[in-house]
Amino acid sequence: MEDPDVIVVGAGAAGIIAAWRAALKGAKVVILEKTTRVGTKILISGGGKCNITHDGPLEEVLRAFRPNEARFIRPACYRFQNHQIVEMLTSRGLEVYTRPDGRIFPVGQTAKDVVRILTSYLEEVGVEIRFESPAIGLISNNGSVTGVRYLDSTQTERELRAPAVILSVGGSSYPGTGTTGDGWNWANEVGHTVVKIRAALAPMYLSTDPELLAEQSGIALRDCLLKARFAGKEIARWTGDLLFTHHGVSGPTVLGISRIVAETLPGGPVTLEIDLAPNRSYETLSAEILAAVTVHPKRFIASIVEEFVPRSLVVSILDAAEIAHDCVGMRLEKKARNRLITVLKGWSLGPVRAVPLEKGEVVSGGIALDEVDPQTMKSKCVGGLYLCGEVLDIAGPVGGYNLQAAFATGYVAGETAAQSTFNKS
């Protein structure tokens, strides 16, 4: 193949859509992909089920992002909307359903089916994919990026030239998938600022006794409210499920607040607590427990606690409330009852030890948004370079938001990169 019009570095969600759109507009496109397949992170998204995007009006979707991020991706999201990626997939046989919380998933199918269909779009428009061809740097000359240096499948260094290069290499979460943060260094070398990288949508490690963590590992809580506190003040909260792990906690609630916790930790300790009855006020809960012990004075308090947590956590709750394991209703004094309610409404998990960046679904930080044109995804620092996906300083919450941002920014980068090559010819 002769030199392409557009080189796409990275075959993740953003890169796939960028390459497809550029080729659809008539450009000759080559993707350089480090791994042996496309869409590696898509394959592990949503626990392998792939939370494709988030449903609802675009303005609601955008409100899930921080204001500056929402402003940046708004033009792209309106050019490639959430329903458009869904239509691309369903038109080729994928069945989807929307959860009550707005998350869109395949029905009875998996992320593999999503990637298979997206790959068919690339094949249809003639995109060349060079697997096991990791980029090792950008080629620039006179203020413009003119190509990419990469290693071919034999580990021989090669150069590929093109008038437009799209950098869609992702961030540095899940480095085993090929996203190891290389793109930030390359962008920095040609003049871009890289905002400090922190974990987002990541589990949290706790400063808790390892033996206790091992005992609790695998236990799940449903529909709880997780809160994070710094210097006594609540800094974040998220309602949903929580999973105990060998190192601490994970699950939607943890992912939902991990970015704020990661940003706050350098300033001092952050602690976590769980409201196990988020839909009931302190007063309502107090009245319910008082009624329960009055009607059934010989009922074990442990059985009441079991209505809020799995049996394996009951002892931990009783210990936190300083209540004997064999205590019954008639022996539960008012002070002890108040302690129990306090724990049920705010069970302390202790301080966060770390928010592991490499375990996150995405990272926050990346190429500064004010250095990229949101209408085109073109670099403002250097010619010939387009940027999209997680390499940018964008990190939405859990729920399909980040894939939508990747698809949309990839679409715009691919379209405008293709158009730019034709304008030069």
Protein backbone atom coordinates (compact mmCIF):
# COMPACT_ATOMS: atom_id res chain seq x y z
CA MET A 1 0.00 0.00 0.00
CA GLU A 2 1.26 3.47 -0.81
CA ASP A 3 1.57 6.04 1.95
CA PRO A 4 -1.85 6.63 3.50
CA ASP A 5 -3.74 9.88 3.84
CA VAL A 6 -4.41 9.26 7.52
CA ILE A 7 -2.57 7.24 10.15
CA VAL A 8 -4.55 6.25 13.22
CA VAL A 9 -2.43 5.25 16.22
CA GLY A 10 -4.39 2.85 18.41
CA ALA A 11 -7.40 0.67 17.63
CA GLY A 12 -9.53 1.34 20.67
CA ALA A 13 -13.03 2.81 20.66
CA ALA A 14 -11.91 6.25 19.47
CA GLY A 15 -9.43 4.89 16.94
CA ILE A 16 -11.90 2.47 15.38
CA ILE A 17 -14.50 5.16 14.77
CA ALA A 18 -11.85 7.67 13.64
CA ALA A 19 -10.44 5.24 11.07
CA TRP A 20 -13.88 4.20 9.84
CA ARG A 21 -15.08 7.79 9.43
CA ALA A 22 -11.89 8.93 7.68
CA ALA A 23 -12.06 6.01 5.23
CA LEU A 24 -15.77 6.56 4.68
CA LYS A 25 -14.91 10.13 3.65
CA GLY A 26 -12.53 8.74 1.02
CA ALA A 27 -9.17 8.74 2.81
CA LYS A 28 -6.67 5.89 2.63
CA VAL A 29 -6.28 4.88 6.28
CA VAL A 30 -3.78 2.74 8.18
CA ILE A 31 -4.21 1.82 11.84
CA LEU A 32 -1.09 1.03 13.84
CA GLU A 33 -2.11 -1.23 16.73
CA LYS A 34 0.25 -2.43 19.45
CA THR A 35 -1.68 -5.61 20.26
CA THR A 36 -3.01 -8.51 18.19
CA ARG A 37 -6.61 -7.29 18.00
CA VAL A 38 -8.82 -4.23 17.88
CA GLY A 39 -10.96 -2.94 20.72
CA THR A 40 -9.09 -4.64 23.55
CA LYS A 41 -10.48 -2.31 26.22
CA ILE A 42 -13.96 -2.53 24.72
CA LEU A 43 -13.71 -6.30 25.26
CA ILE A 44 -13.28 -5.86 29.01
CA SER A 45 -15.70 -2.96 29.43
CA GLY A 46 -18.80 -3.54 31.52
CA GLY A 47 -17.36 -6.78 32.84
CA GLY A 48 -17.08 -8.12 29.28
CA LYS A 49 -20.65 -7.16 28.44
CA CYS A 50 -19.83 -3.67 27.10
CA ASN A 51 -21.78 -0.70 28.36
CA ILE A 52 -22.01 0.75 24.83
CA THR A 53 -23.15 4.26 25.71
CA HIS A 54 -25.61 6.12 27.91
CA ASP A 55 -29.19 6.73 26.88
CA GLY A 56 -31.12 9.97 27.13
CA PRO A 57 -31.00 13.51 25.77
CA LEU A 58 -27.47 14.64 25.03
CA GLU A 59 -27.60 17.52 27.48
CA GLU A 60 -28.33 15.04 30.26
CA VAL A 61 -25.43 12.89 29.14
CA LEU A 62 -23.13 15.91 29.06
CA ARG A 63 -24.13 16.97 32.57
CA ALA A 64 -22.46 13.83 33.87
CA PHE A 65 -19.07 15.29 32.92
CA ARG A 66 -17.27 18.13 34.63
CA PRO A 67 -18.26 21.48 33.08
CA ASN A 68 -15.05 22.10 31.15
CA GLU A 69 -15.07 18.55 29.79
CA ALA A 70 -18.73 18.82 28.81
CA ARG A 71 -18.07 22.07 26.95
CA PHE A 72 -15.23 20.44 25.07
CA ILE A 73 -17.02 17.27 23.94
CA ARG A 74 -20.42 18.93 23.28
CA PRO A 75 -19.76 19.67 19.57
CA ALA A 76 -18.48 16.13 18.97
CA CYS A 77 -21.35 14.49 20.83
CA TYR A 78 -23.86 16.39 18.73
CA ARG A 79 -22.08 15.31 15.53
CA PHE A 80 -22.00 11.67 16.58
CA GLN A 81 -24.79 11.10 19.05
CA ASN A 82 -25.41 8.21 21.42
CA HIS A 83 -28.21 6.80 19.29
CA GLN A 84 -25.95 6.72 16.23
CA ILE A 85 -23.45 4.25 17.66
CA VAL A 86 -26.37 2.13 18.83
CA GLU A 87 -27.88 2.19 15.33
CA MET A 88 -24.53 1.19 13.80
CA LEU A 89 -24.52 -1.91 15.98
CA THR A 90 -28.20 -2.86 15.88
CA SER A 91 -28.34 -2.50 12.09
CA ARG A 92 -25.89 -5.42 11.97
CA GLY A 93 -27.74 -7.71 14.30
CA LEU A 94 -26.83 -6.62 17.81
CA GLU A 95 -29.78 -6.59 20.18
CA VAL A 96 -29.55 -4.04 22.98
CA TYR A 97 -31.51 -3.05 26.04
CA THR A 98 -31.46 0.01 28.24
CA ARG A 99 -31.29 -0.39 32.01
CA PRO A 100 -33.37 1.88 34.24
CA ASP A 101 -30.22 3.86 35.00
CA GLY A 102 -29.71 4.62 31.29
CA ARG A 103 -26.87 2.23 30.55
CA ILE A 104 -27.14 0.46 27.20
CA PHE A 105 -25.94 -3.14 26.93
CA PRO A 106 -26.17 -5.98 24.42
CA VAL A 107 -28.97 -8.50 25.01
CA GLY A 108 -27.60 -12.02 25.39
CA GLN A 109 -24.45 -10.95 23.59
CA THR A 110 -21.13 -9.61 24.76
CA ALA A 111 -18.42 -7.07 24.08
CA LYS A 112 -16.98 -9.55 21.56
CA ASP A 113 -20.06 -9.05 19.40
CA VAL A 114 -19.67 -5.27 19.63
CA VAL A 115 -16.03 -5.48 18.53
CA ARG A 116 -16.87 -7.95 15.76
CA ILE A 117 -19.42 -5.55 14.28
CA LEU A 118 -17.14 -2.53 14.59
CA THR A 119 -14.40 -4.52 12.86
CA SER A 120 -16.79 -5.27 10.00
CA TYR A 121 -17.18 -1.52 9.45
CA LEU A 122 -13.41 -1.13 9.17
CA GLU A 123 -13.16 -3.99 6.70
CA GLU A 124 -16.02 -2.63 4.62
CA VAL A 125 -14.29 0.71 4.00
CA GLY A 126 -10.87 -0.79 3.38
CA VAL A 127 -8.99 0.30 6.50
CA GLU A 128 -5.60 -1.42 6.74
CA ILE A 129 -4.80 -2.61 10.28
CA ARG A 130 -1.20 -3.39 11.16
CA PHE A 131 -1.24 -5.50 14.30
CA GLU A 132 1.73 -5.92 16.64
CA SER A 133 2.99 -2.60 15.29
CA PRO A 134 3.52 -0.35 18.31
CA ALA A 135 4.17 3.30 17.59
CA ILE A 136 7.36 4.59 19.19
CA GLY A 137 7.13 8.26 18.31
CA LEU A 138 5.78 10.98 16.07
CA ILE A 139 7.69 12.38 13.11
CA SER A 140 7.52 16.17 12.93
CA ASN A 141 8.99 18.77 10.64
CA ASN A 142 8.59 22.56 10.49
CA GLY A 143 5.78 22.65 13.04
CA SER A 144 3.76 19.75 11.61
CA VAL A 145 3.45 16.07 12.37
CA THR A 146 4.21 14.20 9.15
CA GLY A 147 4.20 10.56 10.21
CA VAL A 148 4.81 7.92 12.85
CA ARG A 149 7.80 5.79 13.81
CA TYR A 150 6.78 2.26 14.75
CA LEU A 151 8.02 -1.31 15.14
CA ASP A 152 6.70 -3.86 12.71
CA SER A 153 5.81 -7.45 13.62
CA THR A 154 9.52 -8.39 13.42
CA GLN A 155 10.42 -5.53 15.82
CA THR A 156 12.16 -3.65 13.03
CA GLU A 157 11.83 0.13 13.28
CA ARG A 158 9.85 1.63 10.41
CA GLU A 159 8.50 5.01 9.38
CA LEU A 160 5.05 5.65 7.97
CA ARG A 161 4.28 9.05 6.50
CA ALA A 162 0.92 10.78 6.12
CA PRO A 163 -0.40 14.36 6.04
CA ALA A 164 -2.69 13.59 9.01
CA VAL A 165 -2.03 11.56 12.15
CA ILE A 166 -4.74 10.73 14.67
CA LEU A 167 -3.47 9.93 18.15
CA SER A 168 -5.97 7.61 19.85
CA VAL A 169 -3.72 5.49 22.04
CA GLY A 170 -5.81 5.76 25.20
CA GLY A 171 -4.50 6.51 28.65
CA SER A 172 -2.64 4.29 31.09
CA SER A 173 -5.37 2.29 32.81
CA TYR A 174 -5.24 -1.49 32.34
CA PRO A 175 -1.74 -1.35 30.78
CA GLY A 176 -2.05 -5.03 29.87
CA THR A 177 -4.44 -3.97 27.11
CA GLY A 178 -1.74 -1.85 25.49
CA THR A 179 -2.66 1.51 26.99
CA THR A 180 0.58 2.47 28.68
CA GLY A 181 0.48 6.25 28.43
CA ASP A 182 2.93 6.57 25.53
CA GLY A 183 0.80 9.13 23.70
CA TRP A 184 1.25 11.74 26.40
CA ASN A 185 5.02 11.73 25.98
CA TRP A 186 4.75 12.04 22.20
CA ALA A 187 2.24 14.88 22.48
CA ASN A 188 4.44 16.62 25.01
CA GLU A 189 7.42 16.36 22.67
CA VAL A 190 5.56 18.31 19.97
CA GLY A 191 4.42 21.04 22.37
CA HIS A 192 1.37 19.82 24.24
CA THR A 193 0.77 20.19 27.97
CA VAL A 194 -0.20 17.04 29.82
CA VAL A 195 -2.47 17.53 32.83
CA LYS A 196 -1.42 15.41 35.82
CA ILE A 197 -2.63 11.83 35.46
CA ARG A 198 -4.73 10.35 38.25
CA ALA A 199 -6.93 7.31 38.67
CA ALA A 200 -10.61 7.47 37.73
CA LEU A 201 -13.24 4.73 37.76
CA ALA A 202 -10.84 2.68 39.86
CA PRO A 203 -11.09 0.40 42.89
CA MET A 204 -9.77 1.62 46.23
CA TYR A 205 -7.28 -0.04 48.55
CA LEU A 206 -8.00 0.32 52.27
CA SER A 207 -5.74 0.57 55.29
CA THR A 208 -7.52 -2.34 56.92
CA ASP A 209 -6.21 -5.52 58.54
CA PRO A 210 -5.25 -7.86 55.64
CA GLU A 211 -6.87 -10.83 57.39
CA LEU A 212 -10.18 -8.97 57.64
CA LEU A 213 -9.97 -7.93 54.00
CA ALA A 214 -9.37 -11.55 53.02
CA GLU A 215 -12.42 -12.63 55.03
CA GLN A 216 -14.63 -10.00 53.44
CA SER A 217 -13.36 -10.43 49.88
CA GLY A 218 -16.15 -11.29 47.45
CA ILE A 219 -18.97 -9.98 49.65
CA ALA A 220 -21.32 -7.58 47.87
CA LEU A 221 -23.64 -4.87 49.18
CA ARG A 222 -26.63 -3.80 47.10
CA ASP A 223 -28.13 -0.33 46.85
CA CYS A 224 -25.97 1.29 49.50
CA LEU A 225 -24.68 4.86 49.67
CA LEU A 226 -20.90 5.23 49.76
CA LYS A 227 -19.46 8.49 51.06
CA ALA A 228 -15.92 9.83 51.13
CA ARG A 229 -14.75 12.32 53.75
CA PHE A 230 -11.71 14.56 53.96
CA ALA A 231 -10.94 16.49 57.14
CA GLY A 232 -14.40 15.55 58.41
CA LYS A 233 -16.18 17.00 55.38
CA GLU A 234 -18.05 14.91 52.82
CA ILE A 235 -16.35 15.27 49.43
CA ALA A 236 -18.18 12.65 47.33
CA ARG A 237 -21.06 10.19 47.40
CA TRP A 238 -22.49 7.52 45.09
CA THR A 239 -25.44 5.16 45.40
CA GLY A 240 -25.38 1.61 44.04
CA ASP A 241 -23.56 -1.65 44.64
CA LEU A 242 -20.24 -2.23 46.39
CA LEU A 243 -17.90 -5.21 46.33
CA PHE A 244 -15.28 -6.07 48.95
CA THR A 245 -11.94 -7.23 47.52
CA HIS A 246 -8.68 -8.61 48.87
CA HIS A 247 -7.27 -5.09 48.88
CA GLY A 248 -10.31 -2.99 49.72
CA VAL A 249 -13.47 -2.18 47.78
CA SER A 250 -14.69 -1.95 44.21
CA GLY A 251 -18.01 -1.85 42.36
CA PRO A 252 -20.07 1.01 40.87
CA THR A 253 -20.17 3.12 44.04
CA VAL A 254 -16.41 2.95 44.45
CA LEU A 255 -15.71 3.69 40.80
CA GLY A 256 -18.16 6.58 41.00
CA ILE A 257 -16.20 8.48 43.65
CA SER A 258 -12.66 7.25 42.94
CA ARG A 259 -11.63 10.24 40.84
CA ILE A 260 -12.40 12.75 43.59
CA VAL A 261 -10.72 10.55 46.19
CA ALA A 262 -7.61 10.17 44.02
CA GLU A 263 -7.43 13.94 43.54
CA THR A 264 -7.85 14.58 47.28
CA LEU A 265 -5.50 11.93 48.73
CA PRO A 266 -2.27 13.90 48.21
CA GLY A 267 -3.64 16.50 50.63
CA GLY A 268 -4.25 14.07 53.47
CA PRO A 269 -6.23 11.00 54.53
CA VAL A 270 -9.62 10.25 52.98
CA THR A 271 -12.03 7.93 54.77
CA LEU A 272 -14.96 5.92 53.46
CA GLU A 273 -18.29 5.17 55.09
CA ILE A 274 -21.41 3.32 53.95
CA ASP A 275 -25.04 4.21 54.55
CA LEU A 276 -26.67 0.77 54.56
CA ALA A 277 -30.19 2.23 54.60
CA PRO A 278 -29.96 5.21 52.24
CA ASN A 279 -33.70 5.42 51.68
CA ARG A 280 -34.51 5.76 55.36
CA SER A 281 -33.78 8.66 57.65
CA TYR A 282 -32.11 8.25 61.02
CA GLU A 283 -35.47 8.87 62.71
CA THR A 284 -37.36 6.37 60.54
CA LEU A 285 -34.74 3.70 61.10
CA SER A 286 -34.75 4.33 64.83
CA ALA A 287 -38.51 3.92 64.97
CA GLU A 288 -38.38 0.68 62.95
CA ILE A 289 -35.74 -0.92 65.16
CA LEU A 290 -37.51 0.20 68.34
CA ALA A 291 -40.72 -1.37 67.06
CA ALA A 292 -38.92 -4.58 66.13
CA VAL A 293 -37.32 -5.08 69.55
CA THR A 294 -40.56 -4.12 71.33
CA VAL A 295 -42.71 -6.61 69.42
CA HIS A 296 -40.07 -9.37 69.53
CA PRO A 297 -38.06 -8.78 72.72
CA LYS A 298 -36.28 -12.14 72.45
CA ARG A 299 -35.21 -11.64 68.86
CA PHE A 300 -31.46 -11.53 68.33
CA ILE A 301 -30.20 -8.12 67.22
CA ALA A 302 -28.00 -9.99 64.75
CA SER A 303 -31.10 -11.05 62.83
CA ILE A 304 -32.17 -7.42 62.53
CA VAL A 305 -28.74 -6.43 61.21
CA GLU A 306 -28.99 -9.25 58.67
CA GLU A 307 -31.78 -7.31 56.97
CA PHE A 308 -29.17 -4.71 55.97
CA VAL A 309 -26.03 -6.70 55.22
CA PRO A 310 -25.08 -10.27 54.25
CA ARG A 311 -24.76 -12.65 57.20
CA SER A 312 -20.98 -12.68 56.90
CA LEU A 313 -20.85 -8.96 57.76
CA VAL A 314 -23.23 -9.01 60.72
CA VAL A 315 -20.46 -9.51 63.31
CA SER A 316 -18.52 -6.55 61.87
CA ILE A 317 -21.58 -4.31 62.23
CA LEU A 318 -22.27 -5.47 65.78
CA ASP A 319 -18.63 -4.94 66.74
CA ALA A 320 -18.66 -1.44 65.23
CA ALA A 321 -21.77 -0.66 67.30
CA GLU A 322 -20.23 -2.25 70.42
CA ILE A 323 -23.12 -4.71 70.77
CA ALA A 324 -22.68 -8.27 72.02
CA HIS A 325 -23.12 -10.88 69.33
CA ASP A 326 -25.83 -12.69 71.34
CA CYS A 327 -27.72 -9.56 72.37
CA VAL A 328 -31.51 -9.77 72.12
CA GLY A 329 -34.10 -7.01 71.82
CA MET A 330 -35.01 -6.77 75.49
CA ARG A 331 -31.35 -6.12 76.37
CA LEU A 332 -30.76 -3.45 73.77
CA GLU A 333 -30.48 -0.22 75.70
CA LYS A 334 -31.24 3.12 74.10
CA LYS A 335 -27.58 4.12 73.83
CA ALA A 336 -26.73 0.82 72.14
CA ARG A 337 -29.69 1.21 69.79
CA ASN A 338 -28.49 4.69 68.85
CA ARG A 339 -24.98 3.33 68.21
CA LEU A 340 -26.43 0.63 65.95
CA ILE A 341 -28.43 3.17 63.94
CA THR A 342 -25.36 5.39 63.64
CA VAL A 343 -23.37 2.48 62.24
CA LEU A 344 -26.12 1.42 59.84
CA LYS A 345 -26.30 4.99 58.54
CA GLY A 346 -22.53 5.47 58.42
CA TRP A 347 -20.46 2.28 58.73
CA SER A 348 -16.83 3.34 58.61
CA LEU A 349 -14.50 1.43 56.30
CA GLY A 350 -11.52 3.44 57.47
CA PRO A 351 -8.93 5.38 55.44
CA VAL A 352 -8.14 4.83 51.80
CA ARG A 353 -4.58 3.60 51.29
CA ALA A 354 -4.45 4.07 47.52
CA VAL A 355 -6.49 4.42 44.34
CA PRO A 356 -4.49 2.28 41.88
CA LEU A 357 -4.24 4.10 38.58
CA GLU A 358 -3.41 0.96 36.60
CA LYS A 359 -6.59 -0.80 37.80
CA GLY A 360 -8.97 1.94 36.68
CA GLU A 361 -11.28 1.69 33.70
CA VAL A 362 -10.11 5.17 32.68
CA VAL A 363 -7.80 7.86 34.03
CA SER A 364 -8.29 11.55 34.55
CA GLY A 365 -5.75 13.99 33.22
CA GLY A 366 -4.15 13.90 29.79
CA ILE A 367 -3.64 16.35 26.95
CA ALA A 368 -4.94 19.77 27.99
CA LEU A 369 -8.29 20.49 26.37
CA ASP A 370 -7.54 24.13 25.64
CA GLU A 371 -4.79 22.95 23.29
CA VAL A 372 -7.22 21.03 21.05
CA ASP A 373 -9.94 22.47 18.79
CA PRO A 374 -13.23 20.89 19.97
CA GLN A 375 -14.81 21.44 16.54
CA THR A 376 -12.15 19.41 14.73
CA MET A 377 -10.04 17.57 17.36
CA LYS A 378 -7.03 19.17 15.70
CA SER A 379 -4.01 20.13 17.75
CA LYS A 380 -3.54 23.84 18.31
CA CYS A 381 0.16 23.28 18.99
CA VAL A 382 1.29 21.48 15.88
CA GLY A 383 -0.05 20.88 12.38
CA GLY A 384 -1.22 17.52 11.05
CA LEU A 385 -2.07 16.06 14.46
CA TYR A 386 -5.54 15.10 15.72
CA LEU A 387 -6.33 13.82 19.20
CA CYS A 388 -9.28 11.82 20.49
CA GLY A 389 -10.42 9.47 23.21
CA GLU A 390 -8.81 8.90 26.56
CA VAL A 391 -5.52 10.52 25.59
CA LEU A 392 -7.40 13.79 26.24
CA ASP A 393 -8.07 15.21 29.70
CA ILE A 394 -11.60 13.74 29.86
CA ALA A 395 -12.99 11.27 32.40
CA GLY A 396 -16.71 10.76 32.74
CA PRO A 397 -18.44 8.69 35.40
CA VAL A 398 -19.26 5.00 35.18
CA GLY A 399 -22.20 4.28 32.89
CA GLY A 400 -21.11 4.33 29.23
CA TYR A 401 -20.16 7.99 29.24
CA ASN A 402 -16.50 7.47 28.46
CA LEU A 403 -17.18 5.23 25.49
CA GLN A 404 -19.58 7.84 24.14
CA ALA A 405 -16.89 10.52 24.48
CA ALA A 406 -14.39 8.26 22.73
CA PHE A 407 -16.75 7.40 19.87
CA ALA A 408 -17.75 11.03 19.36
CA THR A 409 -14.27 12.58 19.48
CA GLY A 410 -12.99 9.78 17.24
CA TYR A 411 -15.72 10.48 14.70
CA VAL A 412 -14.85 14.17 14.49
CA ALA A 413 -11.09 13.51 14.37
CA GLY A 414 -11.51 11.02 11.53
CA GLU A 415 -13.82 13.24 9.52
CA THR A 416 -11.75 16.40 9.79
CA ALA A 417 -8.44 14.60 9.29
CA ALA A 418 -9.75 13.16 6.02
CA GLN A 419 -11.07 16.51 4.90
CA SER A 420 -7.76 18.20 5.66
CA THR A 421 -5.84 15.83 3.39
CA PHE A 422 -8.15 16.55 0.48
CA ASN A 423 -7.88 20.29 1.06
CA LYS A 424 -4.09 20.01 0.73
CA SER A 425 -4.21 17.98 -2.45
